[in-house]
Amino acid sequence: MPSNFTITDDLPVVEKGTLYVVATPIGHRDDITIRALKVLACVDIVAAEDTRHTGRMLSFHKISSQLISYHENNEAERTLQLVEKLQNGASVALVSDAGTPSVSDPGYRLICASIQAGVKIVPIPGVSAAITALIVSGLPTDTFIFLGFPPKKQNRRIKLLKELENEKRTLIFYEAPKRVITFLMDAQMILGDRHVVLSREMTKKYEEFIRGSISTVLTSLSGRKVIKGECTLIFAGKKRNEEEFSGSVENSISEYLSGSKESSGDLSRKIASKFGISRKKAYELILSEKENR
């Protein structure tokens, strides 16, 4: 440790009328900061997404603070109650089931309401599944987009993916295990068979990272009877040369159409395989070329 390194530990553990946004482990119980444990032990109230889940975590660390539920079904009502308690001098710690609150978890409404009410808010940083997966993905980390859970309805999901088709930055999604294969299939159709990293059960006993093209990951998952654990997906952004190949793709399509009687479907498979793009994209280019003719 550098000789001039200073630890600012002279502040009180908690202050009255303060909301603490506390990150908790995403799996391994030891992945929690000392400061987080001190705050959870000293606040008047711990607002938890699932009181049973958080209760077990607090019990493991021998913490007996008062727990109340704060989840998507009671968020509106609880927000008013908690802001009132904060204004009356209570200290409150907000936690989610795993990771950092308000990142695809309840908490955003309470934080906004606390800001409007003039309540002091203190972040207690820690684990985030998105960043944990990103740093070991092997994909660019200098610029990325976090998009949370994709829409459950396919038409909305497809619309979102089309908006991201030309995005150069690394893309980060969360997805439930029962929907991950469907989402990957949609992503392959719209984004092409680009590189992706599937992170599953991070920091737990059966932690797994599957790296490769979307088709490779789909092959790995398709043979499983069940997929367990929340999944984090890191997609490579669109490469610059993918934007520049359209001319050569169109030239190839033009040549194929001039000398071949193949169906558009068969031709789209050849073009997709040759240039590493989705069959849907290849099919659209073929139709466009036919219209131009």
C-alpha atoms as a PDB file:
ATOM      1  CA  MET A   1       0.000   0.000   0.000  1.00  0.00           C
ATOM      2  CA  PRO A   2       1.414   3.467  -0.865  1.00  0.00           C
ATOM      3  CA  SER A   3       2.659   5.403   2.158  1.00  0.00           C
ATOM      4  CA  ASN A   4       0.401   8.368   1.313  1.00  0.00           C
ATOM      5  CA  PHE A   5      -2.757   6.259   1.041  1.00  0.00           C
ATOM      6  CA  THR A   6      -5.480   7.682   3.310  1.00  0.00           C
ATOM      7  CA  ILE A   7      -8.524   5.860   4.600  1.00  0.00           C
ATOM      8  CA  THR A   8     -11.363   8.252   5.445  1.00  0.00           C
ATOM      9  CA  ASP A   9     -13.048   6.224   8.186  1.00  0.00           C
ATOM     10  CA  ASP A  10     -13.754   9.117  10.533  1.00  0.00           C
ATOM     11  CA  LEU A  11     -17.370   9.467   9.352  1.00  0.00           C
ATOM     12  CA  PRO A  12     -20.256   8.040  11.432  1.00  0.00           C
ATOM     13  CA  VAL A  13     -21.503   4.638  10.285  1.00  0.00           C
ATOM     14  CA  VAL A  14     -25.011   5.980   9.629  1.00  0.00           C
ATOM     15  CA  GLU A  15     -26.715   9.352   9.911  1.00  0.00           C
ATOM     16  CA  LYS A  16     -30.315  10.099  10.800  1.00  0.00           C
ATOM     17  CA  GLY A  17     -32.707  10.774   7.960  1.00  0.00           C
ATOM     18  CA  THR A  18     -30.396   9.204   5.382  1.00  0.00           C
ATOM     19  CA  LEU A  19     -31.132   6.672   2.664  1.00  0.00           C
ATOM     20  CA  TYR A  20     -28.307   4.208   2.044  1.00  0.00           C
ATOM     21  CA  VAL A  21     -28.344   2.370  -1.287  1.00  0.00           C
ATOM     22  CA  VAL A  22     -26.450  -0.812  -0.442  1.00  0.00           C
ATOM     23  CA  ALA A  23     -25.021  -3.338  -2.900  1.00  0.00           C
ATOM     24  CA  THR A  24     -25.196  -6.964  -1.744  1.00  0.00           C
ATOM     25  CA  PRO A  25     -23.697 -10.221  -3.117  1.00  0.00           C
ATOM     26  CA  ILE A  26     -24.916 -11.689  -6.416  1.00  0.00           C
ATOM     27  CA  GLY A  27     -24.049 -15.180  -5.197  1.00  0.00           C
ATOM     28  CA  HIS A  28     -21.059 -15.697  -2.942  1.00  0.00           C
ATOM     29  CA  ARG A  29     -21.883 -14.498   0.574  1.00  0.00           C
ATOM     30  CA  ASP A  30     -18.412 -13.055   1.134  1.00  0.00           C
ATOM     31  CA  ASP A  31     -18.805 -10.588  -1.753  1.00  0.00           C
ATOM     32  CA  ILE A  32     -20.020  -7.760   0.472  1.00  0.00           C
ATOM     33  CA  THR A  33     -18.023  -4.824   1.759  1.00  0.00           C
ATOM     34  CA  ILE A  34     -17.223  -4.236   5.409  1.00  0.00           C
ATOM     35  CA  ARG A  35     -18.900  -0.841   5.161  1.00  0.00           C
ATOM     36  CA  ALA A  36     -22.080  -2.411   3.791  1.00  0.00           C
ATOM     37  CA  LEU A  37     -22.236  -4.794   6.762  1.00  0.00           C
ATOM     38  CA  LYS A  38     -21.724  -1.918   9.207  1.00  0.00           C
ATOM     39  CA  VAL A  39     -24.480   0.139   7.584  1.00  0.00           C
ATOM     40  CA  LEU A  40     -26.930  -2.792   7.483  1.00  0.00           C
ATOM     41  CA  ALA A  41     -26.266  -3.448  11.174  1.00  0.00           C
ATOM     42  CA  CYS A  42     -26.773   0.169  12.237  1.00  0.00           C
ATOM     43  CA  VAL A  43     -29.721   1.505  10.193  1.00  0.00           C
ATOM     44  CA  ASP A  44     -33.225   1.689  11.645  1.00  0.00           C
ATOM     45  CA  ILE A  45     -34.802  -0.071   8.669  1.00  0.00           C
ATOM     46  CA  VAL A  46     -33.622  -2.359   5.863  1.00  0.00           C
ATOM     47  CA  ALA A  47     -35.971  -2.144   2.860  1.00  0.00           C
ATOM     48  CA  ALA A  48     -35.539  -5.432   0.990  1.00  0.00           C
ATOM     49  CA  GLU A  49     -36.885  -6.799  -2.281  1.00  0.00           C
ATOM     50  CA  ASP A  50     -37.441 -10.182  -0.581  1.00  0.00           C
ATOM     51  CA  THR A  51     -37.307 -10.116   3.225  1.00  0.00           C
ATOM     52  CA  ARG A  52     -36.778 -13.878   3.432  1.00  0.00           C
ATOM     53  CA  HIS A  53     -33.777 -13.798   1.106  1.00  0.00           C
ATOM     54  CA  THR A  54     -32.229 -10.731   2.760  1.00  0.00           C
ATOM     55  CA  GLY A  55     -33.106 -12.103   6.209  1.00  0.00           C
ATOM     56  CA  ARG A  56     -30.962 -15.186   5.567  1.00  0.00           C
ATOM     57  CA  MET A  57     -28.082 -12.996   4.398  1.00  0.00           C
ATOM     58  CA  LEU A  58     -28.328 -10.751   7.469  1.00  0.00           C
ATOM     59  CA  SER A  59     -28.627 -13.760   9.787  1.00  0.00           C
ATOM     60  CA  PHE A  60     -25.466 -15.257   8.278  1.00  0.00           C
ATOM     61  CA  HIS A  61     -23.623 -12.047   9.177  1.00  0.00           C
ATOM     62  CA  LYS A  62     -25.334 -11.900  12.619  1.00  0.00           C
ATOM     63  CA  ILE A  63     -27.282  -8.729  11.812  1.00  0.00           C
ATOM     64  CA  SER A  64     -30.746  -8.250  13.313  1.00  0.00           C
ATOM     65  CA  SER A  65     -31.949  -4.944  11.844  1.00  0.00           C
ATOM     66  CA  GLN A  66     -35.655  -4.407  11.178  1.00  0.00           C
ATOM     67  CA  LEU A  67     -36.722  -5.635   7.739  1.00  0.00           C
ATOM     68  CA  ILE A  68     -39.593  -4.413   5.591  1.00  0.00           C
ATOM     69  CA  SER A  69     -40.491  -5.465   2.054  1.00  0.00           C
ATOM     70  CA  TYR A  70     -39.914  -3.171  -0.908  1.00  0.00           C
ATOM     71  CA  HIS A  71     -40.669  -4.749  -4.292  1.00  0.00           C
ATOM     72  CA  GLU A  72     -42.371  -3.964  -7.587  1.00  0.00           C
ATOM     73  CA  ASN A  73     -45.833  -4.846  -6.256  1.00  0.00           C
ATOM     74  CA  ASN A  74     -45.773  -2.464  -3.271  1.00  0.00           C
ATOM     75  CA  GLU A  75     -43.224   0.068  -4.536  1.00  0.00           C
ATOM     76  CA  ALA A  76     -45.640   3.010  -4.843  1.00  0.00           C
ATOM     77  CA  GLU A  77     -47.142   2.613  -1.358  1.00  0.00           C
ATOM     78  CA  ARG A  78     -43.840   1.792   0.350  1.00  0.00           C
ATOM     79  CA  THR A  79     -42.054   4.744  -1.263  1.00  0.00           C
ATOM     80  CA  LEU A  80     -44.409   7.214   0.436  1.00  0.00           C
ATOM     81  CA  GLN A  81     -44.015   5.420   3.770  1.00  0.00           C
ATOM     82  CA  LEU A  82     -40.235   5.279   3.606  1.00  0.00           C
ATOM     83  CA  VAL A  83     -39.828   8.913   2.545  1.00  0.00           C
ATOM     84  CA  GLU A  84     -42.004   9.946   5.489  1.00  0.00           C
ATOM     85  CA  LYS A  85     -39.868   7.877   7.872  1.00  0.00           C
ATOM     86  CA  LEU A  86     -36.693   9.380   6.412  1.00  0.00           C
ATOM     87  CA  GLN A  87     -38.072  12.900   6.842  1.00  0.00           C
ATOM     88  CA  ASN A  88     -38.833  12.035  10.464  1.00  0.00           C
ATOM     89  CA  GLY A  89     -35.209  11.065  11.078  1.00  0.00           C
ATOM     90  CA  ALA A  90     -35.089   7.322  10.399  1.00  0.00           C
ATOM     91  CA  SER A  91     -32.075   5.836   8.618  1.00  0.00           C
ATOM     92  CA  VAL A  92     -32.964   3.379   5.838  1.00  0.00           C
ATOM     93  CA  ALA A  93     -30.864   0.897   3.846  1.00  0.00           C
ATOM     94  CA  LEU A  94     -32.251  -0.108   0.452  1.00  0.00           C
ATOM     95  CA  VAL A  95     -31.175  -3.536  -0.832  1.00  0.00           C
ATOM     96  CA  SER A  96     -32.250  -5.825  -3.679  1.00  0.00           C
ATOM     97  CA  ASP A  97     -32.086  -9.614  -3.800  1.00  0.00           C
ATOM     98  CA  ALA A  98     -28.657  -9.460  -5.418  1.00  0.00           C
ATOM     99  CA  GLY A  99     -26.250  -6.822  -6.647  1.00  0.00           C
ATOM    100  CA  THR A 100     -26.863  -3.079  -6.789  1.00  0.00           C
ATOM    101  CA  PRO A 101     -30.388  -1.725  -6.144  1.00  0.00           C
ATOM    102  CA  SER A 102     -32.228   0.124  -8.947  1.00  0.00           C
ATOM    103  CA  VAL A 103     -30.112  -1.572 -11.659  1.00  0.00           C
ATOM    104  CA  SER A 104     -32.967  -3.632 -13.192  1.00  0.00           C
ATOM    105  CA  ASP A 105     -34.235  -3.970  -9.597  1.00  0.00           C
ATOM    106  CA  PRO A 106     -36.651  -1.964  -7.411  1.00  0.00           C
ATOM    107  CA  GLY A 107     -35.296   1.282  -5.990  1.00  0.00           C
ATOM    108  CA  TYR A 108     -35.447   3.904  -8.721  1.00  0.00           C
ATOM    109  CA  ARG A 109     -38.779   5.305  -7.494  1.00  0.00           C
ATOM    110  CA  LEU A 110     -37.596   5.583  -3.885  1.00  0.00           C
ATOM    111  CA  ILE A 111     -34.354   7.285  -4.912  1.00  0.00           C
ATOM    112  CA  CYS A 112     -36.200   9.831  -7.087  1.00  0.00           C
ATOM    113  CA  ALA A 113     -38.777  10.526  -4.367  1.00  0.00           C
ATOM    114  CA  SER A 114     -36.022  10.943  -1.768  1.00  0.00           C
ATOM    115  CA  ILE A 115     -34.206  13.441  -3.988  1.00  0.00           C
ATOM    116  CA  GLN A 116     -37.411  15.450  -4.444  1.00  0.00           C
ATOM    117  CA  ALA A 117     -38.012  15.403  -0.679  1.00  0.00           C
ATOM    118  CA  GLY A 118     -34.498  16.665   0.024  1.00  0.00           C
ATOM    119  CA  VAL A 119     -33.433  13.440   1.742  1.00  0.00           C
ATOM    120  CA  LYS A 120     -29.707  12.710   1.855  1.00  0.00           C
ATOM    121  CA  ILE A 121     -28.752   9.641  -0.190  1.00  0.00           C
ATOM    122  CA  VAL A 122     -25.507   7.717   0.287  1.00  0.00           C
ATOM    123  CA  PRO A 123     -24.343   4.951  -2.099  1.00  0.00           C
ATOM    124  CA  ILE A 124     -22.607   1.932  -0.580  1.00  0.00           C
ATOM    125  CA  PRO A 125     -20.963   0.435  -3.676  1.00  0.00           C
ATOM    126  CA  GLY A 126     -20.331  -3.214  -4.353  1.00  0.00           C
ATOM    127  CA  VAL A 127     -21.171  -5.990  -6.776  1.00  0.00           C
ATOM    128  CA  SER A 128     -23.068  -5.522 -10.049  1.00  0.00           C
ATOM    129  CA  ALA A 129     -23.747  -8.531 -12.295  1.00  0.00           C
ATOM    130  CA  ALA A 130     -23.386  -6.403 -15.436  1.00  0.00           C
ATOM    131  CA  ILE A 131     -19.890  -5.169 -14.569  1.00  0.00           C
ATOM    132  CA  THR A 132     -18.820  -8.537 -13.142  1.00  0.00           C
ATOM    133  CA  ALA A 133     -19.676 -10.244 -16.434  1.00  0.00           C
ATOM    134  CA  LEU A 134     -18.214  -7.466 -18.572  1.00  0.00           C
ATOM    135  CA  ILE A 135     -14.750  -7.462 -16.994  1.00  0.00           C
ATOM    136  CA  VAL A 136     -14.173 -11.156 -17.783  1.00  0.00           C
ATOM    137  CA  SER A 137     -15.931 -11.193 -21.158  1.00  0.00           C
ATOM    138  CA  GLY A 138     -12.867 -10.404 -23.241  1.00  0.00           C
ATOM    139  CA  LEU A 139     -14.961  -7.842 -25.152  1.00  0.00           C
ATOM    140  CA  PRO A 140     -14.235  -4.080 -25.196  1.00  0.00           C
ATOM    141  CA  THR A 141     -14.880  -2.466 -21.821  1.00  0.00           C
ATOM    142  CA  ASP A 142     -13.969   1.121 -22.680  1.00  0.00           C
ATOM    143  CA  THR A 143     -17.483   1.858 -23.933  1.00  0.00           C
ATOM    144  CA  PHE A 144     -20.638  -0.204 -23.522  1.00  0.00           C
ATOM    145  CA  ILE A 145     -24.427  -0.012 -23.169  1.00  0.00           C
ATOM    146  CA  PHE A 146     -26.385  -1.692 -20.371  1.00  0.00           C
ATOM    147  CA  LEU A 147     -29.919  -2.556 -21.516  1.00  0.00           C
ATOM    148  CA  GLY A 148     -31.282  -4.632 -18.637  1.00  0.00           C
ATOM    149  CA  PHE A 149     -33.882  -7.295 -19.421  1.00  0.00           C
ATOM    150  CA  PRO A 150     -35.111  -7.350 -23.041  1.00  0.00           C
ATOM    151  CA  PRO A 151     -38.902  -7.122 -23.604  1.00  0.00           C
ATOM    152  CA  LYS A 152     -40.812 -10.370 -23.074  1.00  0.00           C
ATOM    153  CA  LYS A 153     -42.957  -9.874 -26.184  1.00  0.00           C
ATOM    154  CA  GLN A 154     -41.132 -10.862 -29.345  1.00  0.00           C
ATOM    155  CA  ASN A 155     -42.306  -7.943 -31.486  1.00  0.00           C
ATOM    156  CA  ARG A 156     -40.975  -5.442 -28.951  1.00  0.00           C
ATOM    157  CA  ARG A 157     -37.785  -7.467 -28.541  1.00  0.00           C
ATOM    158  CA  ILE A 158     -37.198  -7.516 -32.299  1.00  0.00           C
ATOM    159  CA  LYS A 159     -37.816  -3.768 -32.478  1.00  0.00           C
ATOM    160  CA  LEU A 160     -35.174  -3.143 -29.796  1.00  0.00           C
ATOM    161  CA  LEU A 161     -32.628  -5.406 -31.492  1.00  0.00           C
ATOM    162  CA  LYS A 162     -33.167  -3.654 -34.823  1.00  0.00           C
ATOM    163  CA  GLU A 163     -32.430  -0.331 -33.122  1.00  0.00           C
ATOM    164  CA  LEU A 164     -29.146  -1.824 -31.877  1.00  0.00           C
ATOM    165  CA  GLU A 165     -28.146  -3.540 -35.124  1.00  0.00           C
ATOM    166  CA  ASN A 166     -25.491  -0.937 -36.034  1.00  0.00           C
ATOM    167  CA  GLU A 167     -24.393  -0.111 -32.473  1.00  0.00           C
ATOM    168  CA  LYS A 168     -20.601  -0.337 -32.186  1.00  0.00           C
ATOM    169  CA  ARG A 169     -20.448  -0.421 -28.399  1.00  0.00           C
ATOM    170  CA  THR A 170     -20.513  -3.624 -26.341  1.00  0.00           C
ATOM    171  CA  LEU A 171     -24.096  -4.579 -25.414  1.00  0.00           C
ATOM    172  CA  ILE A 172     -25.052  -5.924 -21.972  1.00  0.00           C
ATOM    173  CA  PHE A 173     -28.367  -7.672 -21.261  1.00  0.00           C
ATOM    174  CA  TYR A 174     -29.874  -9.613 -18.386  1.00  0.00           C
ATOM    175  CA  GLU A 175     -32.199 -12.508 -19.204  1.00  0.00           C
ATOM    176  CA  ALA A 176     -34.137 -15.175 -17.336  1.00  0.00           C
ATOM    177  CA  PRO A 177     -32.932 -18.754 -17.975  1.00  0.00           C
ATOM    178  CA  LYS A 178     -36.294 -19.855 -19.427  1.00  0.00           C
ATOM    179  CA  ARG A 179     -36.108 -17.135 -22.107  1.00  0.00           C
ATOM    180  CA  VAL A 180     -32.386 -17.033 -22.874  1.00  0.00           C
ATOM    181  CA  ILE A 181     -32.488 -19.408 -25.859  1.00  0.00           C
ATOM    182  CA  THR A 182     -35.384 -17.532 -27.475  1.00  0.00           C
ATOM    183  CA  PHE A 183     -33.587 -14.225 -26.958  1.00  0.00           C
ATOM    184  CA  LEU A 184     -30.357 -15.553 -28.467  1.00  0.00           C
ATOM    185  CA  MET A 185     -32.241 -16.845 -31.507  1.00  0.00           C
ATOM    186  CA  ASP A 186     -33.804 -13.416 -32.038  1.00  0.00           C
ATOM    187  CA  ALA A 187     -30.425 -11.751 -31.546  1.00  0.00           C
ATOM    188  CA  GLN A 188     -28.810 -14.028 -34.122  1.00  0.00           C
ATOM    189  CA  MET A 189     -31.538 -13.247 -36.643  1.00  0.00           C
ATOM    190  CA  ILE A 190     -31.208  -9.451 -36.242  1.00  0.00           C
ATOM    191  CA  LEU A 191     -27.597  -8.881 -35.148  1.00  0.00           C
ATOM    192  CA  GLY A 192     -26.003 -11.710 -37.113  1.00  0.00           C
ATOM    193  CA  ASP A 193     -23.888 -14.503 -35.706  1.00  0.00           C
ATOM    194  CA  ARG A 194     -21.622 -12.200 -33.751  1.00  0.00           C
ATOM    195  CA  HIS A 195     -19.532 -12.969 -30.646  1.00  0.00           C
ATOM    196  CA  VAL A 196     -21.351 -13.240 -27.322  1.00  0.00           C
ATOM    197  CA  VAL A 197     -20.477 -14.273 -23.776  1.00  0.00           C
ATOM    198  CA  LEU A 198     -23.131 -15.905 -21.616  1.00  0.00           C
ATOM    199  CA  SER A 199     -22.395 -15.600 -17.885  1.00  0.00           C
ATOM    200  CA  ARG A 200     -24.426 -17.839 -15.598  1.00  0.00           C
ATOM    201  CA  GLU A 201     -24.442 -18.442 -11.839  1.00  0.00           C
ATOM    202  CA  MET A 202     -21.605 -15.943 -11.335  1.00  0.00           C
ATOM    203  CA  THR A 203     -19.658 -16.256  -8.051  1.00  0.00           C
ATOM    204  CA  LYS A 204     -21.558 -19.451  -7.204  1.00  0.00           C
ATOM    205  CA  LYS A 205     -20.502 -23.096  -7.188  1.00  0.00           C
ATOM    206  CA  TYR A 206     -21.630 -23.746 -10.776  1.00  0.00           C
ATOM    207  CA  GLU A 207     -20.358 -20.475 -12.249  1.00  0.00           C
ATOM    208  CA  GLU A 208     -20.129 -20.734 -16.023  1.00  0.00           C
ATOM    209  CA  PHE A 209     -18.986 -18.565 -18.929  1.00  0.00           C
ATOM    210  CA  ILE A 210     -19.816 -19.674 -22.479  1.00  0.00           C
ATOM    211  CA  ARG A 211     -17.907 -17.713 -25.131  1.00  0.00           C
ATOM    212  CA  GLY A 212     -18.208 -17.820 -28.906  1.00  0.00           C
ATOM    213  CA  SER A 213     -20.564 -16.976 -31.740  1.00  0.00           C
ATOM    214  CA  ILE A 214     -24.270 -16.840 -30.946  1.00  0.00           C
ATOM    215  CA  SER A 215     -24.732 -20.133 -32.826  1.00  0.00           C
ATOM    216  CA  THR A 216     -21.984 -21.757 -30.721  1.00  0.00           C
ATOM    217  CA  VAL A 217     -23.658 -20.666 -27.475  1.00  0.00           C
ATOM    218  CA  LEU A 218     -27.055 -21.840 -28.737  1.00  0.00           C
ATOM    219  CA  THR A 219     -25.587 -25.253 -29.568  1.00  0.00           C
ATOM    220  CA  SER A 220     -24.153 -25.498 -26.062  1.00  0.00           C
ATOM    221  CA  LEU A 221     -27.486 -24.625 -24.452  1.00  0.00           C
ATOM    222  CA  SER A 222     -29.779 -26.638 -26.715  1.00  0.00           C
ATOM    223  CA  GLY A 223     -28.543 -29.974 -25.391  1.00  0.00           C
ATOM    224  CA  ARG A 224     -29.443 -29.138 -21.786  1.00  0.00           C
ATOM    225  CA  LYS A 225     -32.613 -30.318 -20.100  1.00  0.00           C
ATOM    226  CA  VAL A 226     -32.762 -27.196 -17.963  1.00  0.00           C
ATOM    227  CA  ILE A 227     -30.882 -23.906 -17.700  1.00  0.00           C
ATOM    228  CA  LYS A 228     -30.560 -22.526 -14.186  1.00  0.00           C
ATOM    229  CA  GLY A 229     -29.565 -19.170 -12.765  1.00  0.00           C
ATOM    230  CA  GLU A 230     -30.021 -15.612 -13.995  1.00  0.00           C
ATOM    231  CA  CYS A 231     -28.022 -14.975 -17.159  1.00  0.00           C
ATOM    232  CA  THR A 232     -25.961 -11.968 -18.211  1.00  0.00           C
ATOM    233  CA  LEU A 233     -25.231 -11.670 -21.932  1.00  0.00           C
ATOM    234  CA  ILE A 234     -22.392  -9.567 -23.363  1.00  0.00           C
ATOM    235  CA  PHE A 235     -22.612  -9.010 -27.130  1.00  0.00           C
ATOM    236  CA  ALA A 236     -19.825  -7.633 -29.282  1.00  0.00           C
ATOM    237  CA  GLY A 237     -20.696  -4.341 -30.916  1.00  0.00           C
ATOM    238  CA  LYS A 238     -20.899  -4.107 -34.684  1.00  0.00           C
ATOM    239  CA  LYS A 239     -17.451  -3.980 -36.269  1.00  0.00           C
ATOM    240  CA  ARG A 240     -16.619  -1.139 -38.604  1.00  0.00           C
ATOM    241  CA  ASN A 241     -15.745  -3.477 -41.475  1.00  0.00           C
ATOM    242  CA  GLU A 242     -19.264  -4.921 -41.213  1.00  0.00           C
ATOM    243  CA  GLU A 243     -20.589  -1.491 -42.209  1.00  0.00           C
ATOM    244  CA  GLU A 244     -18.153  -1.267 -45.091  1.00  0.00           C
ATOM    245  CA  PHE A 245     -18.826  -4.678 -46.624  1.00  0.00           C
ATOM    246  CA  SER A 246     -22.286  -3.774 -47.954  1.00  0.00           C
ATOM    247  CA  GLY A 247     -20.837  -2.860 -51.345  1.00  0.00           C
ATOM    248  CA  SER A 248     -19.102  -6.218 -51.777  1.00  0.00           C
ATOM    249  CA  VAL A 249     -22.199  -8.030 -50.509  1.00  0.00           C
ATOM    250  CA  GLU A 250     -24.348  -6.216 -53.038  1.00  0.00           C
ATOM    251  CA  ASN A 251     -21.846  -6.976 -55.810  1.00  0.00           C
ATOM    252  CA  SER A 252     -21.939 -10.658 -54.907  1.00  0.00           C
ATOM    253  CA  ILE A 253     -25.728 -10.654 -54.832  1.00  0.00           C
ATOM    254  CA  SER A 254     -25.810  -8.967 -58.213  1.00  0.00           C
ATOM    255  CA  GLU A 255     -23.468 -11.605 -59.646  1.00  0.00           C
ATOM    256  CA  TYR A 256     -25.474 -14.455 -58.110  1.00  0.00           C
ATOM    257  CA  LEU A 257     -28.740 -13.085 -59.470  1.00  0.00           C
ATOM    258  CA  SER A 258     -27.260 -12.695 -62.946  1.00  0.00           C
ATOM    259  CA  GLY A 259     -25.966 -16.250 -63.214  1.00  0.00           C
ATOM    260  CA  SER A 260     -28.131 -18.332 -60.897  1.00  0.00           C
ATOM    261  CA  LYS A 261     -31.732 -19.513 -60.747  1.00  0.00           C
ATOM    262  CA  GLU A 262     -31.619 -20.270 -57.009  1.00  0.00           C
ATOM    263  CA  SER A 263     -34.473 -19.153 -54.785  1.00  0.00           C
ATOM    264  CA  SER A 264     -34.024 -16.085 -52.613  1.00  0.00           C
ATOM    265  CA  GLY A 265     -34.048 -18.356 -49.560  1.00  0.00           C
ATOM    266  CA  ASP A 266     -31.216 -20.555 -50.821  1.00  0.00           C
ATOM    267  CA  LEU A 267     -29.249 -17.524 -51.955  1.00  0.00           C
ATOM    268  CA  SER A 268     -29.684 -15.801 -48.582  1.00  0.00           C
ATOM    269  CA  ARG A 269     -28.076 -18.823 -46.873  1.00  0.00           C
ATOM    270  CA  LYS A 270     -25.030 -18.608 -49.162  1.00  0.00           C
ATOM    271  CA  ILE A 271     -24.636 -14.842 -48.689  1.00  0.00           C
ATOM    272  CA  ALA A 272     -25.086 -15.115 -44.907  1.00  0.00           C
ATOM    273  CA  SER A 273     -22.452 -17.846 -44.688  1.00  0.00           C
ATOM    274  CA  LYS A 274     -19.973 -16.035 -46.944  1.00  0.00           C
ATOM    275  CA  PHE A 275     -20.141 -12.639 -45.222  1.00  0.00           C
ATOM    276  CA  GLY A 276     -21.045 -13.651 -41.660  1.00  0.00           C
ATOM    277  CA  ILE A 277     -24.333 -11.790 -41.573  1.00  0.00           C
ATOM    278  CA  SER A 278     -27.801 -12.956 -40.567  1.00  0.00           C
ATOM    279  CA  ARG A 279     -29.969 -14.727 -43.127  1.00  0.00           C
ATOM    280  CA  LYS A 280     -32.624 -12.089 -42.546  1.00  0.00           C
ATOM    281  CA  LYS A 281     -30.188  -9.313 -43.429  1.00  0.00           C
ATOM    282  CA  ALA A 282     -29.026 -11.219 -46.525  1.00  0.00           C
ATOM    283  CA  TYR A 283     -32.628 -11.820 -47.594  1.00  0.00           C
ATOM    284  CA  GLU A 284     -33.441  -8.100 -47.237  1.00  0.00           C
ATOM    285  CA  LEU A 285     -30.434  -7.183 -49.392  1.00  0.00           C
ATOM    286  CA  ILE A 286     -31.482  -9.721 -52.053  1.00  0.00           C
ATOM    287  CA  LEU A 287     -35.012  -8.308 -52.181  1.00  0.00           C
ATOM    288  CA  SER A 288     -33.621  -4.792 -52.391  1.00  0.00           C
ATOM    289  CA  GLU A 289     -31.365  -5.761 -55.296  1.00  0.00           C
ATOM    290  CA  LYS A 290     -34.284  -7.426 -57.101  1.00  0.00           C
ATOM    291  CA  GLU A 291     -36.390  -4.276 -56.680  1.00  0.00           C
ATOM    292  CA  ASN A 292     -33.559  -2.136 -58.074  1.00  0.00           C
ATOM    293  CA  ARG A 293     -33.435  -4.367 -61.124  1.00  0.00           C
END
